[in-house]
Amino acid sequence: MAGYTSVAIRGSIIYFVVADLANVNDMYQNSLQYVKILFNNAIDATKPCEELKGRLELLEDSITKLIYTNIARGLFEKDKLLYSFLVATAIRRNAGIISPISWNHLLRGPMPFSAQ
């Protein structure tokens, strides 16, 4: 079971992006229960694979696509690009592709250096 940690992490990454959408618009309030149902549906819909690594890749892909698609349906058109950006960057930040320094720079801009 410990081998499936990456799948649980992917689900939690997407859930927290979905939960943060309420900060964009009060109408975007999705419950953990709803995301858990989508998560379980994605697991059930994913075809089996002999190798664990292949199975994990299929599960992560399926979970990401199913949750993304179902949540995106309920968003205003103007917020869908933001949602896509948040999901993509959250996944890349978790993978270490986007460093915390780069993310901070993107959010806040260049910080002045203090001379001492």
PDB file of N, CA and C in Angstrom:
ATOM      1  N   MET A   1       0.807  -1.206   0.000  1.00  0.00           N
ATOM      2  CA  MET A   1       0.000   0.000   0.000  1.00  0.00           C
ATOM      3  C   MET A   1       0.845   1.264   0.000  1.00  0.00           C
ATOM      4  N   ALA A   2       2.031   1.221   0.586  1.00  0.00           N
ATOM      5  CA  ALA A   2       2.886   2.411   0.650  1.00  0.00           C
ATOM      6  C   ALA A   2       3.302   2.856  -0.736  1.00  0.00           C
ATOM      7  N   GLY A   3       3.280   1.944  -1.705  1.00  0.00           N
ATOM      8  CA  GLY A   3       3.633   2.295  -3.075  1.00  0.00           C
ATOM      9  C   GLY A   3       2.652   3.253  -3.721  1.00  0.00           C
ATOM     10  N   TYR A   4       1.463   3.344  -3.183  1.00  0.00           N
ATOM     11  CA  TYR A   4       0.426   4.206  -3.757  1.00  0.00           C
ATOM     12  C   TYR A   4       0.424   5.616  -3.167  1.00  0.00           C
ATOM     13  N   THR A   5       1.452   5.954  -2.428  1.00  0.00           N
ATOM     14  CA  THR A   5       1.537   7.275  -1.811  1.00  0.00           C
ATOM     15  C   THR A   5       1.492   8.386  -2.852  1.00  0.00           C
ATOM     16  N   SER A   6       2.146   8.181  -3.991  1.00  0.00           N
ATOM     17  CA  SER A   6       2.166   9.220  -5.034  1.00  0.00           C
ATOM     18  C   SER A   6       0.765   9.510  -5.566  1.00  0.00           C
ATOM     19  N   VAL A   7      -0.077   8.504  -5.602  1.00  0.00           N
ATOM     20  CA  VAL A   7      -1.460   8.694  -6.063  1.00  0.00           C
ATOM     21  C   VAL A   7      -2.240   9.526  -5.049  1.00  0.00           C
ATOM     22  N   ALA A   8      -2.051   9.230  -3.775  1.00  0.00           N
ATOM     23  CA  ALA A   8      -2.714  10.008  -2.722  1.00  0.00           C
ATOM     24  C   ALA A   8      -2.221  11.452  -2.722  1.00  0.00           C
ATOM     25  N   ILE A   9      -0.933  11.631  -2.945  1.00  0.00           N
ATOM     26  CA  ILE A   9      -0.379  12.993  -2.998  1.00  0.00           C
ATOM     27  C   ILE A   9      -0.983  13.766  -4.150  1.00  0.00           C
ATOM     28  N   ARG A  10      -1.099  13.129  -5.321  1.00  0.00           N
ATOM     29  CA  ARG A  10      -1.699  13.813  -6.476  1.00  0.00           C
ATOM     30  C   ARG A  10      -3.135  14.215  -6.169  1.00  0.00           C
ATOM     31  N   GLY A  11      -3.885  13.330  -5.550  1.00  0.00           N
ATOM     32  CA  GLY A  11      -5.261  13.661  -5.183  1.00  0.00           C
ATOM     33  C   GLY A  11      -5.332  14.826  -4.213  1.00  0.00           C
ATOM     34  N   SER A  12      -4.440  14.853  -3.238  1.00  0.00           N
ATOM     35  CA  SER A  12      -4.457  15.948  -2.260  1.00  0.00           C
ATOM     36  C   SER A  12      -4.024  17.265  -2.893  1.00  0.00           C
ATOM     37  N   ILE A  13      -3.071  17.219  -3.815  1.00  0.00           N
ATOM     38  CA  ILE A  13      -2.647  18.441  -4.504  1.00  0.00           C
ATOM     39  C   ILE A  13      -3.836  19.061  -5.228  1.00  0.00           C
ATOM     40  N   ILE A  14      -4.536  18.242  -5.968  1.00  0.00           N
ATOM     41  CA  ILE A  14      -5.675  18.757  -6.735  1.00  0.00           C
ATOM     42  C   ILE A  14      -6.792  19.209  -5.796  1.00  0.00           C
ATOM     43  N   TYR A  15      -7.026  18.460  -4.717  1.00  0.00           N
ATOM     44  CA  TYR A  15      -8.070  18.872  -3.781  1.00  0.00           C
ATOM     45  C   TYR A  15      -7.781  20.260  -3.206  1.00  0.00           C
ATOM     46  N   PHE A  16      -6.555  20.524  -2.810  1.00  0.00           N
ATOM     47  CA  PHE A  16      -6.253  21.817  -2.204  1.00  0.00           C
ATOM     48  C   PHE A  16      -6.337  22.957  -3.220  1.00  0.00           C
ATOM     49  N   VAL A  17      -6.059  22.678  -4.488  1.00  0.00           N
ATOM     50  CA  VAL A  17      -6.284  23.693  -5.519  1.00  0.00           C
ATOM     51  C   VAL A  17      -7.784  23.962  -5.630  1.00  0.00           C
ATOM     52  N   VAL A  18      -8.573  22.894  -5.650  1.00  0.00           N
ATOM     53  CA  VAL A  18     -10.033  23.035  -5.740  1.00  0.00           C
ATOM     54  C   VAL A  18     -10.573  23.785  -4.523  1.00  0.00           C
ATOM     55  N   ALA A  19     -10.080  23.466  -3.341  1.00  0.00           N
ATOM     56  CA  ALA A  19     -10.539  24.141  -2.121  1.00  0.00           C
ATOM     57  C   ALA A  19     -10.179  25.623  -2.160  1.00  0.00           C
ATOM     58  N   ASP A  20      -9.020  25.953  -2.718  1.00  0.00           N
ATOM     59  CA  ASP A  20      -8.599  27.358  -2.795  1.00  0.00           C
ATOM     60  C   ASP A  20      -9.389  28.165  -3.817  1.00  0.00           C
ATOM     61  N   LEU A  21     -10.131  27.493  -4.687  1.00  0.00           N
ATOM     62  CA  LEU A  21     -10.953  28.223  -5.656  1.00  0.00           C
ATOM     63  C   LEU A  21     -12.018  29.078  -4.968  1.00  0.00           C
ATOM     64  N   ALA A  22     -12.375  28.733  -3.762  1.00  0.00           N
ATOM     65  CA  ALA A  22     -13.349  29.536  -3.020  1.00  0.00           C
ATOM     66  C   ALA A  22     -12.809  30.941  -2.768  1.00  0.00           C
ATOM     67  N   ASN A  23     -11.484  31.107  -2.797  1.00  0.00           N
ATOM     68  CA  ASN A  23     -10.883  32.437  -2.662  1.00  0.00           C
ATOM     69  C   ASN A  23     -11.033  33.258  -3.938  1.00  0.00           C
ATOM     70  N   VAL A  24     -11.248  32.586  -5.060  1.00  0.00           N
ATOM     71  CA  VAL A  24     -11.447  33.264  -6.338  1.00  0.00           C
ATOM     72  C   VAL A  24     -12.895  33.752  -6.448  1.00  0.00           C
ATOM     73  N   ASN A  25     -13.825  32.887  -6.074  1.00  0.00           N
ATOM     74  CA  ASN A  25     -15.248  33.222  -6.136  1.00  0.00           C
ATOM     75  C   ASN A  25     -15.958  32.389  -5.068  1.00  0.00           C
ATOM     76  N   ASP A  26     -16.813  33.015  -4.306  1.00  0.00           N
ATOM     77  CA  ASP A  26     -17.528  32.313  -3.228  1.00  0.00           C
ATOM     78  C   ASP A  26     -18.371  31.147  -3.735  1.00  0.00           C
ATOM     79  N   MET A  27     -18.744  31.176  -5.012  1.00  0.00           N
ATOM     80  CA  MET A  27     -19.575  30.100  -5.565  1.00  0.00           C
ATOM     81  C   MET A  27     -18.806  28.795  -5.744  1.00  0.00           C
ATOM     82  N   TYR A  28     -17.473  28.861  -5.747  1.00  0.00           N
ATOM     83  CA  TYR A  28     -16.645  27.679  -5.983  1.00  0.00           C
ATOM     84  C   TYR A  28     -16.330  26.965  -4.676  1.00  0.00           C
ATOM     85  N   GLN A  29     -17.347  26.381  -4.082  1.00  0.00           N
ATOM     86  CA  GLN A  29     -17.145  25.661  -2.836  1.00  0.00           C
ATOM     87  C   GLN A  29     -17.498  24.198  -3.075  1.00  0.00           C
ATOM     88  N   ASN A  30     -16.454  23.403  -3.254  1.00  0.00           N
ATOM     89  CA  ASN A  30     -16.624  21.964  -3.477  1.00  0.00           C
ATOM     90  C   ASN A  30     -16.204  21.232  -2.210  1.00  0.00           C
ATOM     91  N   SER A  31     -16.989  20.267  -1.820  1.00  0.00           N
ATOM     92  CA  SER A  31     -16.705  19.554  -0.574  1.00  0.00           C
ATOM     93  C   SER A  31     -15.637  18.483  -0.784  1.00  0.00           C
ATOM     94  N   LEU A  32     -14.990  18.137   0.288  1.00  0.00           N
ATOM     95  CA  LEU A  32     -14.038  17.035   0.266  1.00  0.00           C
ATOM     96  C   LEU A  32     -14.755  15.759  -0.155  1.00  0.00           C
ATOM     97  N   GLN A  33     -15.976  15.589   0.286  1.00  0.00           N
ATOM     98  CA  GLN A  33     -16.749  14.390  -0.056  1.00  0.00           C
ATOM     99  C   GLN A  33     -16.920  14.265  -1.569  1.00  0.00           C
ATOM    100  N   TYR A  34     -17.215  15.379  -2.248  1.00  0.00           N
ATOM    101  CA  TYR A  34     -17.388  15.361  -3.703  1.00  0.00           C
ATOM    102  C   TYR A  34     -16.078  14.990  -4.393  1.00  0.00           C
ATOM    103  N   VAL A  35     -14.966  15.565  -3.952  1.00  0.00           N
ATOM    104  CA  VAL A  35     -13.664  15.266  -4.552  1.00  0.00           C
ATOM    105  C   VAL A  35     -13.279  13.816  -4.275  1.00  0.00           C
ATOM    106  N   LYS A  36     -13.619  13.291  -3.096  1.00  0.00           N
ATOM    107  CA  LYS A  36     -13.344  11.885  -2.787  1.00  0.00           C
ATOM    108  C   LYS A  36     -14.129  10.960  -3.716  1.00  0.00           C
ATOM    109  N   ILE A  37     -15.363  11.318  -4.020  1.00  0.00           N
ATOM    110  CA  ILE A  37     -16.159  10.511  -4.951  1.00  0.00           C
ATOM    111  C   ILE A  37     -15.511  10.508  -6.329  1.00  0.00           C
ATOM    112  N   LEU A  38     -15.074  11.686  -6.797  1.00  0.00           N
ATOM    113  CA  LEU A  38     -14.397  11.770  -8.089  1.00  0.00           C
ATOM    114  C   LEU A  38     -13.109  10.951  -8.075  1.00  0.00           C
ATOM    115  N   PHE A  39     -12.363  11.054  -6.986  1.00  0.00           N
ATOM    116  CA  PHE A  39     -11.111  10.315  -6.825  1.00  0.00           C
ATOM    117  C   PHE A  39     -11.369   8.809  -6.931  1.00  0.00           C
ATOM    118  N   ASN A  40     -12.360   8.324  -6.203  1.00  0.00           N
ATOM    119  CA  ASN A  40     -12.684   6.889  -6.230  1.00  0.00           C
ATOM    120  C   ASN A  40     -13.201   6.452  -7.589  1.00  0.00           C
ATOM    121  N   ASN A  41     -13.991   7.303  -8.251  1.00  0.00           N
ATOM    122  CA  ASN A  41     -14.475   6.985  -9.600  1.00  0.00           C
ATOM    123  C   ASN A  41     -13.309   6.868 -10.579  1.00  0.00           C
ATOM    124  N   ALA A  42     -12.322   7.737 -10.425  1.00  0.00           N
ATOM    125  CA  ALA A  42     -11.149   7.684 -11.300  1.00  0.00           C
ATOM    126  C   ALA A  42     -10.376   6.387 -11.077  1.00  0.00           C
ATOM    127  N   ILE A  43     -10.260   5.958  -9.835  1.00  0.00           N
ATOM    128  CA  ILE A  43      -9.575   4.701  -9.542  1.00  0.00           C
ATOM    129  C   ILE A  43     -10.320   3.530 -10.177  1.00  0.00           C
ATOM    130  N   ASP A  44     -11.645   3.525 -10.025  1.00  0.00           N
ATOM    131  CA  ASP A  44     -12.450   2.443 -10.595  1.00  0.00           C
ATOM    132  C   ASP A  44     -12.381   2.414 -12.119  1.00  0.00           C
ATOM    133  N   ALA A  45     -12.271   3.592 -12.754  1.00  0.00           N
ATOM    134  CA  ALA A  45     -12.275   3.680 -14.211  1.00  0.00           C
ATOM    135  C   ALA A  45     -10.910   3.395 -14.837  1.00  0.00           C
ATOM    136  N   THR A  46      -9.878   3.371 -14.041  1.00  0.00           N
ATOM    137  CA  THR A  46      -8.522   3.163 -14.563  1.00  0.00           C
ATOM    138  C   THR A  46      -8.293   1.686 -14.832  1.00  0.00           C
ATOM    139  N   LYS A  47      -7.786   1.406 -16.036  1.00  0.00           N
ATOM    140  CA  LYS A  47      -7.541   0.004 -16.387  1.00  0.00           C
ATOM    141  C   LYS A  47      -6.389  -0.560 -15.564  1.00  0.00           C
ATOM    142  N   PRO A  48      -6.439  -1.847 -15.277  1.00  0.00           N
ATOM    143  CA  PRO A  48      -5.374  -2.467 -14.497  1.00  0.00           C
ATOM    144  C   PRO A  48      -4.062  -2.524 -15.282  1.00  0.00           C
ATOM    145  N   CYS A  49      -2.993  -2.650 -14.565  1.00  0.00           N
ATOM    146  CA  CYS A  49      -1.670  -2.757 -15.178  1.00  0.00           C
ATOM    147  C   CYS A  49      -0.850  -3.732 -14.340  1.00  0.00           C
ATOM    148  N   GLU A  50      -0.045  -4.540 -15.010  1.00  0.00           N
ATOM    149  CA  GLU A  50       0.767  -5.543 -14.318  1.00  0.00           C
ATOM    150  C   GLU A  50       1.824  -4.926 -13.416  1.00  0.00           C
ATOM    151  N   GLU A  51       2.503  -3.896 -13.907  1.00  0.00           N
ATOM    152  CA  GLU A  51       3.595  -3.280 -13.157  1.00  0.00           C
ATOM    153  C   GLU A  51       3.077  -2.146 -12.278  1.00  0.00           C
ATOM    154  N   LEU A  52       3.638  -2.024 -11.085  1.00  0.00           N
ATOM    155  CA  LEU A  52       3.214  -0.984 -10.150  1.00  0.00           C
ATOM    156  C   LEU A  52       3.473   0.408 -10.713  1.00  0.00           C
ATOM    157  N   LYS A  53       4.643   0.614 -11.297  1.00  0.00           N
ATOM    158  CA  LYS A  53       4.979   1.931 -11.842  1.00  0.00           C
ATOM    159  C   LYS A  53       3.979   2.350 -12.917  1.00  0.00           C
ATOM    160  N   GLY A  54       3.631   1.435 -13.796  1.00  0.00           N
ATOM    161  CA  GLY A  54       2.651   1.718 -14.852  1.00  0.00           C
ATOM    162  C   GLY A  54       1.278   2.017 -14.260  1.00  0.00           C
ATOM    163  N   ARG A  55       0.909   1.242 -13.257  1.00  0.00           N
ATOM    164  CA  ARG A  55      -0.383   1.452 -12.591  1.00  0.00           C
ATOM    165  C   ARG A  55      -0.444   2.829 -11.927  1.00  0.00           C
ATOM    166  N   LEU A  56       0.643   3.216 -11.269  1.00  0.00           N
ATOM    167  CA  LEU A  56       0.686   4.522 -10.603  1.00  0.00           C
ATOM    168  C   LEU A  56       0.558   5.655 -11.619  1.00  0.00           C
ATOM    169  N   GLU A  57       1.241   5.542 -12.740  1.00  0.00           N
ATOM    170  CA  GLU A  57       1.154   6.571 -13.779  1.00  0.00           C
ATOM    171  C   GLU A  57      -0.261   6.676 -14.325  1.00  0.00           C
ATOM    172  N   LEU A  58      -0.878   5.522 -14.582  1.00  0.00           N
ATOM    173  CA  LEU A  58      -2.258   5.522 -15.083  1.00  0.00           C
ATOM    174  C   LEU A  58      -3.213   6.147 -14.069  1.00  0.00           C
ATOM    175  N   LEU A  59      -3.047   5.800 -12.797  1.00  0.00           N
ATOM    176  CA  LEU A  59      -3.920   6.337 -11.753  1.00  0.00           C
ATOM    177  C   LEU A  59      -3.753   7.850 -11.611  1.00  0.00           C
ATOM    178  N   GLU A  60      -2.503   8.318 -11.558  1.00  0.00           N
ATOM    179  CA  GLU A  60      -2.268   9.765 -11.437  1.00  0.00           C
ATOM    180  C   GLU A  60      -2.875  10.519 -12.610  1.00  0.00           C
ATOM    181  N   ASP A  61      -2.698   9.992 -13.811  1.00  0.00           N
ATOM    182  CA  ASP A  61      -3.247  10.635 -15.003  1.00  0.00           C
ATOM    183  C   ASP A  61      -4.781  10.645 -14.963  1.00  0.00           C
ATOM    184  N   SER A  62      -5.364   9.517 -14.621  1.00  0.00           N
ATOM    185  CA  SER A  62      -6.819   9.399 -14.576  1.00  0.00           C
ATOM    186  C   SER A  62      -7.429  10.307 -13.511  1.00  0.00           C
ATOM    187  N   ILE A  63      -6.829  10.321 -12.337  1.00  0.00           N
ATOM    188  CA  ILE A  63      -7.328  11.157 -11.240  1.00  0.00           C
ATOM    189  C   ILE A  63      -7.242  12.637 -11.613  1.00  0.00           C
ATOM    190  N   THR A  64      -6.114  13.015 -12.174  1.00  0.00           N
ATOM    191  CA  THR A  64      -5.926  14.412 -12.563  1.00  0.00           C
ATOM    192  C   THR A  64      -6.962  14.832 -13.597  1.00  0.00           C
ATOM    193  N   LYS A  65      -7.139  14.033 -14.623  1.00  0.00           N
ATOM    194  CA  LYS A  65      -8.073  14.384 -15.696  1.00  0.00           C
ATOM    195  C   LYS A  65      -9.527  14.400 -15.222  1.00  0.00           C
ATOM    196  N   LEU A  66      -9.920  13.384 -14.454  1.00  0.00           N
ATOM    197  CA  LEU A  66     -11.318  13.295 -14.037  1.00  0.00           C
ATOM    198  C   LEU A  66     -11.697  14.422 -13.081  1.00  0.00           C
ATOM    199  N   ILE A  67     -10.864  14.671 -12.090  1.00  0.00           N
ATOM    200  CA  ILE A  67     -11.179  15.742 -11.146  1.00  0.00           C
ATOM    201  C   ILE A  67     -11.117  17.097 -11.848  1.00  0.00           C
ATOM    202  N   TYR A  68     -10.071  17.304 -12.650  1.00  0.00           N
ATOM    203  CA  TYR A  68      -9.934  18.576 -13.370  1.00  0.00           C
ATOM    204  C   TYR A  68     -11.176  18.845 -14.218  1.00  0.00           C
ATOM    205  N   THR A  69     -11.583  17.868 -15.009  1.00  0.00           N
ATOM    206  CA  THR A  69     -12.717  18.037 -15.931  1.00  0.00           C
ATOM    207  C   THR A  69     -14.010  18.328 -15.181  1.00  0.00           C
ATOM    208  N   ASN A  70     -14.279  17.570 -14.139  1.00  0.00           N
ATOM    209  CA  ASN A  70     -15.535  17.756 -13.409  1.00  0.00           C
ATOM    210  C   ASN A  70     -15.585  19.092 -12.674  1.00  0.00           C
ATOM    211  N   ILE A  71     -14.484  19.546 -12.129  1.00  0.00           N
ATOM    212  CA  ILE A  71     -14.471  20.838 -11.448  1.00  0.00           C
ATOM    213  C   ILE A  71     -14.552  21.970 -12.473  1.00  0.00           C
ATOM    214  N   ALA A  72     -13.842  21.831 -13.582  1.00  0.00           N
ATOM    215  CA  ALA A  72     -13.831  22.879 -14.609  1.00  0.00           C
ATOM    216  C   ALA A  72     -15.221  23.130 -15.178  1.00  0.00           C
ATOM    217  N   ARG A  73     -16.056  22.117 -15.211  1.00  0.00           N
ATOM    218  CA  ARG A  73     -17.431  22.284 -15.722  1.00  0.00           C
ATOM    219  C   ARG A  73     -18.224  23.300 -14.915  1.00  0.00           C
ATOM    220  N   GLY A  74     -17.917  23.409 -13.639  1.00  0.00           N
ATOM    221  CA  GLY A  74     -18.667  24.305 -12.766  1.00  0.00           C
ATOM    222  C   GLY A  74     -18.066  25.691 -12.638  1.00  0.00           C
ATOM    223  N   LEU A  75     -17.013  25.989 -13.395  1.00  0.00           N
ATOM    224  CA  LEU A  75     -16.367  27.292 -13.291  1.00  0.00           C
ATOM    225  C   LEU A  75     -16.853  28.247 -14.368  1.00  0.00           C
ATOM    226  N   PHE A  76     -16.808  29.520 -14.050  1.00  0.00           N
ATOM    227  CA  PHE A  76     -17.067  30.524 -15.074  1.00  0.00           C
ATOM    228  C   PHE A  76     -15.928  30.468 -16.081  1.00  0.00           C
ATOM    229  N   GLU A  77     -16.240  30.780 -17.317  1.00  0.00           N
ATOM    230  CA  GLU A  77     -15.240  30.715 -18.382  1.00  0.00           C
ATOM    231  C   GLU A  77     -13.989  31.530 -18.051  1.00  0.00           C
ATOM    232  N   LYS A  78     -14.183  32.671 -17.432  1.00  0.00           N
ATOM    233  CA  LYS A  78     -13.059  33.562 -17.127  1.00  0.00           C
ATOM    234  C   LYS A  78     -12.096  32.963 -16.098  1.00  0.00           C
ATOM    235  N   ASP A  79     -12.531  31.968 -15.335  1.00  0.00           N
ATOM    236  CA  ASP A  79     -11.696  31.392 -14.284  1.00  0.00           C
ATOM    237  C   ASP A  79     -11.059  30.062 -14.667  1.00  0.00           C
ATOM    238  N   LYS A  80     -11.409  29.523 -15.818  1.00  0.00           N
ATOM    239  CA  LYS A  80     -10.888  28.215 -16.210  1.00  0.00           C
ATOM    240  C   LYS A  80      -9.387  28.240 -16.477  1.00  0.00           C
ATOM    241  N   LEU A  81      -8.887  29.293 -17.074  1.00  0.00           N
ATOM    242  CA  LEU A  81      -7.452  29.382 -17.325  1.00  0.00           C
ATOM    243  C   LEU A  81      -6.679  29.469 -16.005  1.00  0.00           C
ATOM    244  N   LEU A  82      -7.198  30.241 -15.063  1.00  0.00           N
ATOM    245  CA  LEU A  82      -6.573  30.332 -13.751  1.00  0.00           C
ATOM    246  C   LEU A  82      -6.543  28.961 -13.069  1.00  0.00           C
ATOM    247  N   TYR A  83      -7.636  28.245 -13.146  1.00  0.00           N
ATOM    248  CA  TYR A  83      -7.710  26.903 -12.564  1.00  0.00           C
ATOM    249  C   TYR A  83      -6.663  25.984 -13.201  1.00  0.00           C
ATOM    250  N   SER A  84      -6.562  26.012 -14.512  1.00  0.00           N
ATOM    251  CA  SER A  84      -5.566  25.189 -15.207  1.00  0.00           C
ATOM    252  C   SER A  84      -4.156  25.544 -14.747  1.00  0.00           C
ATOM    253  N   PHE A  85      -3.890  26.830 -14.636  1.00  0.00           N
ATOM    254  CA  PHE A  85      -2.575  27.300 -14.197  1.00  0.00           C
ATOM    255  C   PHE A  85      -2.282  26.820 -12.780  1.00  0.00           C
ATOM    256  N   LEU A  86      -3.248  26.924 -11.892  1.00  0.00           N
ATOM    257  CA  LEU A  86      -3.045  26.523 -10.500  1.00  0.00           C
ATOM    258  C   LEU A  86      -2.804  25.021 -10.368  1.00  0.00           C
ATOM    259  N   VAL A  87      -3.537  24.219 -11.124  1.00  0.00           N
ATOM    260  CA  VAL A  87      -3.332  22.769 -11.074  1.00  0.00           C
ATOM    261  C   VAL A  87      -1.944  22.421 -11.613  1.00  0.00           C
ATOM    262  N   ALA A  88      -1.607  22.986 -12.766  1.00  0.00           N
ATOM    263  CA  ALA A  88      -0.311  22.673 -13.386  1.00  0.00           C
ATOM    264  C   ALA A  88       0.863  23.096 -12.499  1.00  0.00           C
ATOM    265  N   THR A  89       0.779  24.294 -11.935  1.00  0.00           N
ATOM    266  CA  THR A  89       1.897  24.755 -11.108  1.00  0.00           C
ATOM    267  C   THR A  89       1.962  24.004  -9.782  1.00  0.00           C
ATOM    268  N   ALA A  90       0.830  23.617  -9.224  1.00  0.00           N
ATOM    269  CA  ALA A  90       0.845  22.850  -7.975  1.00  0.00           C
ATOM    270  C   ALA A  90       1.516  21.490  -8.185  1.00  0.00           C
ATOM    271  N   ILE A  91       1.231  20.850  -9.299  1.00  0.00           N
ATOM    272  CA  ILE A  91       1.845  19.558  -9.605  1.00  0.00           C
ATOM    273  C   ILE A  91       3.351  19.733  -9.815  1.00  0.00           C
ATOM    274  N   ARG A  92       3.726  20.773 -10.526  1.00  0.00           N
ATOM    275  CA  ARG A  92       5.148  21.003 -10.811  1.00  0.00           C
ATOM    276  C   ARG A  92       5.918  21.456  -9.564  1.00  0.00           C
ATOM    277  N   ARG A  93       5.256  22.209  -8.696  1.00  0.00           N
ATOM    278  CA  ARG A  93       5.918  22.599  -7.446  1.00  0.00           C
ATOM    279  C   ARG A  93       6.172  21.375  -6.583  1.00  0.00           C
ATOM    280  N   ASN A  94       5.198  20.466  -6.526  1.00  0.00           N
ATOM    281  CA  ASN A  94       5.365  19.247  -5.749  1.00  0.00           C
ATOM    282  C   ASN A  94       6.482  18.378  -6.313  1.00  0.00           C
ATOM    283  N   ALA A  95       6.640  18.367  -7.627  1.00  0.00           N
ATOM    284  CA  ALA A  95       7.675  17.560  -8.270  1.00  0.00           C
ATOM    285  C   ALA A  95       9.055  18.210  -8.177  1.00  0.00           C
ATOM    286  N   GLY A  96       9.100  19.457  -7.723  1.00  0.00           N
ATOM    287  CA  GLY A  96      10.382  20.154  -7.615  1.00  0.00           C
ATOM    288  C   GLY A  96      10.804  20.842  -8.900  1.00  0.00           C
ATOM    289  N   ILE A  97       9.947  20.824  -9.908  1.00  0.00           N
ATOM    290  CA  ILE A  97      10.258  21.479 -11.181  1.00  0.00           C
ATOM    291  C   ILE A  97      10.221  22.993 -11.012  1.00  0.00           C
ATOM    292  N   ILE A  98       9.293  23.462 -10.207  1.00  0.00           N
ATOM    293  CA  ILE A  98       9.232  24.888  -9.864  1.00  0.00           C
ATOM    294  C   ILE A  98       9.736  25.013  -8.426  1.00  0.00           C
ATOM    295  N   SER A  99      10.818  25.725  -8.260  1.00  0.00           N
ATOM    296  CA  SER A  99      11.406  25.869  -6.926  1.00  0.00           C
ATOM    297  C   SER A  99      10.599  26.867  -6.093  1.00  0.00           C
ATOM    298  N   PRO A 100      10.682  26.761  -4.778  1.00  0.00           N
ATOM    299  CA  PRO A 100       9.992  27.734  -3.925  1.00  0.00           C
ATOM    300  C   PRO A 100      10.448  29.173  -4.192  1.00  0.00           C
ATOM    301  N   ILE A 101      11.716  29.351  -4.501  1.00  0.00           N
ATOM    302  CA  ILE A 101      12.224  30.702  -4.787  1.00  0.00           C
ATOM    303  C   ILE A 101      11.589  31.246  -6.064  1.00  0.00           C
ATOM    304  N   SER A 102      11.498  30.407  -7.096  1.00  0.00           N
ATOM    305  CA  SER A 102      10.881  30.838  -8.356  1.00  0.00           C
ATOM    306  C   SER A 102       9.396  31.151  -8.157  1.00  0.00           C
ATOM    307  N   TRP A 103       8.724  30.317  -7.388  1.00  0.00           N
ATOM    308  CA  TRP A 103       7.291  30.526  -7.134  1.00  0.00           C
ATOM    309  C   TRP A 103       7.075  31.828  -6.366  1.00  0.00           C
ATOM    310  N   ASN A 104       7.892  32.064  -5.369  1.00  0.00           N
ATOM    311  CA  ASN A 104       7.814  33.292  -4.591  1.00  0.00           C
ATOM    312  C   ASN A 104       8.086  34.510  -5.482  1.00  0.00           C
ATOM    313  N   HIS A 105       9.051  34.384  -6.367  1.00  0.00           N
ATOM    314  CA  HIS A 105       9.381  35.469  -7.292  1.00  0.00           C
ATOM    315  C   HIS A 105       8.199  35.767  -8.214  1.00  0.00           C
ATOM    316  N   LEU A 106       7.547  34.708  -8.709  1.00  0.00           N
ATOM    317  CA  LEU A 106       6.384  34.888  -9.584  1.00  0.00           C
ATOM    318  C   LEU A 106       5.241  35.588  -8.851  1.00  0.00           C
ATOM    319  N   LEU A 107       4.993  35.193  -7.609  1.00  0.00           N
ATOM    320  CA  LEU A 107       3.877  35.757  -6.850  1.00  0.00           C
ATOM    321  C   LEU A 107       4.123  37.186  -6.373  1.00  0.00           C
ATOM    322  N   ARG A 108       5.349  37.454  -5.949  1.00  0.00           N
ATOM    323  CA  ARG A 108       5.624  38.731  -5.294  1.00  0.00           C
ATOM    324  C   ARG A 108       6.523  39.663  -6.090  1.00  0.00           C
ATOM    325  N   GLY A 109       7.148  39.154  -7.138  1.00  0.00           N
ATOM    326  CA  GLY A 109       8.081  39.966  -7.902  1.00  0.00           C
ATOM    327  C   GLY A 109       9.447  39.951  -7.238  1.00  0.00           C
ATOM    328  N   PRO A 110      10.398  40.628  -7.864  1.00  0.00           N
ATOM    329  CA  PRO A 110      11.753  40.636  -7.285  1.00  0.00           C
ATOM    330  C   PRO A 110      11.768  41.355  -5.959  1.00  0.00           C
ATOM    331  N   MET A 111      12.464  40.774  -5.018  1.00  0.00           N
ATOM    332  CA  MET A 111      12.573  41.366  -3.687  1.00  0.00           C
ATOM    333  C   MET A 111      13.887  42.156  -3.610  1.00  0.00           C
ATOM    334  N   PRO A 112      13.842  43.310  -3.036  1.00  0.00           N
ATOM    335  CA  PRO A 112      15.087  44.093  -2.925  1.00  0.00           C
ATOM    336  C   PRO A 112      16.034  43.442  -1.916  1.00  0.00           C
ATOM    337  N   PHE A 113      17.291  43.546  -2.214  1.00  0.00           N
ATOM    338  CA  PHE A 113      18.309  43.055  -1.284  1.00  0.00           C
ATOM    339  C   PHE A 113      18.615  44.168  -0.298  1.00  0.00           C
ATOM    340  N   SER A 114      18.754  43.809   0.945  1.00  0.00           N
ATOM    341  CA  SER A 114      19.078  44.815   1.937  1.00  0.00           C
ATOM    342  C   SER A 114      20.591  44.863   2.117  1.00  0.00           C
ATOM    343  N   ALA A 115      21.148  46.040   2.055  1.00  0.00           N
ATOM    344  CA  ALA A 115      22.593  46.207   2.232  1.00  0.00           C
ATOM    345  C   ALA A 115      22.883  46.310   3.727  1.00  0.00           C
ATOM    346  N   GLN A 116      23.865  45.579   4.165  1.00  0.00           N
ATOM    347  CA  GLN A 116      24.172  45.623   5.594  1.00  0.00           C
ATOM    348  C   GLN A 116      25.623  45.941   5.796  1.00  0.00           C
TER     349      GLN A 116
END
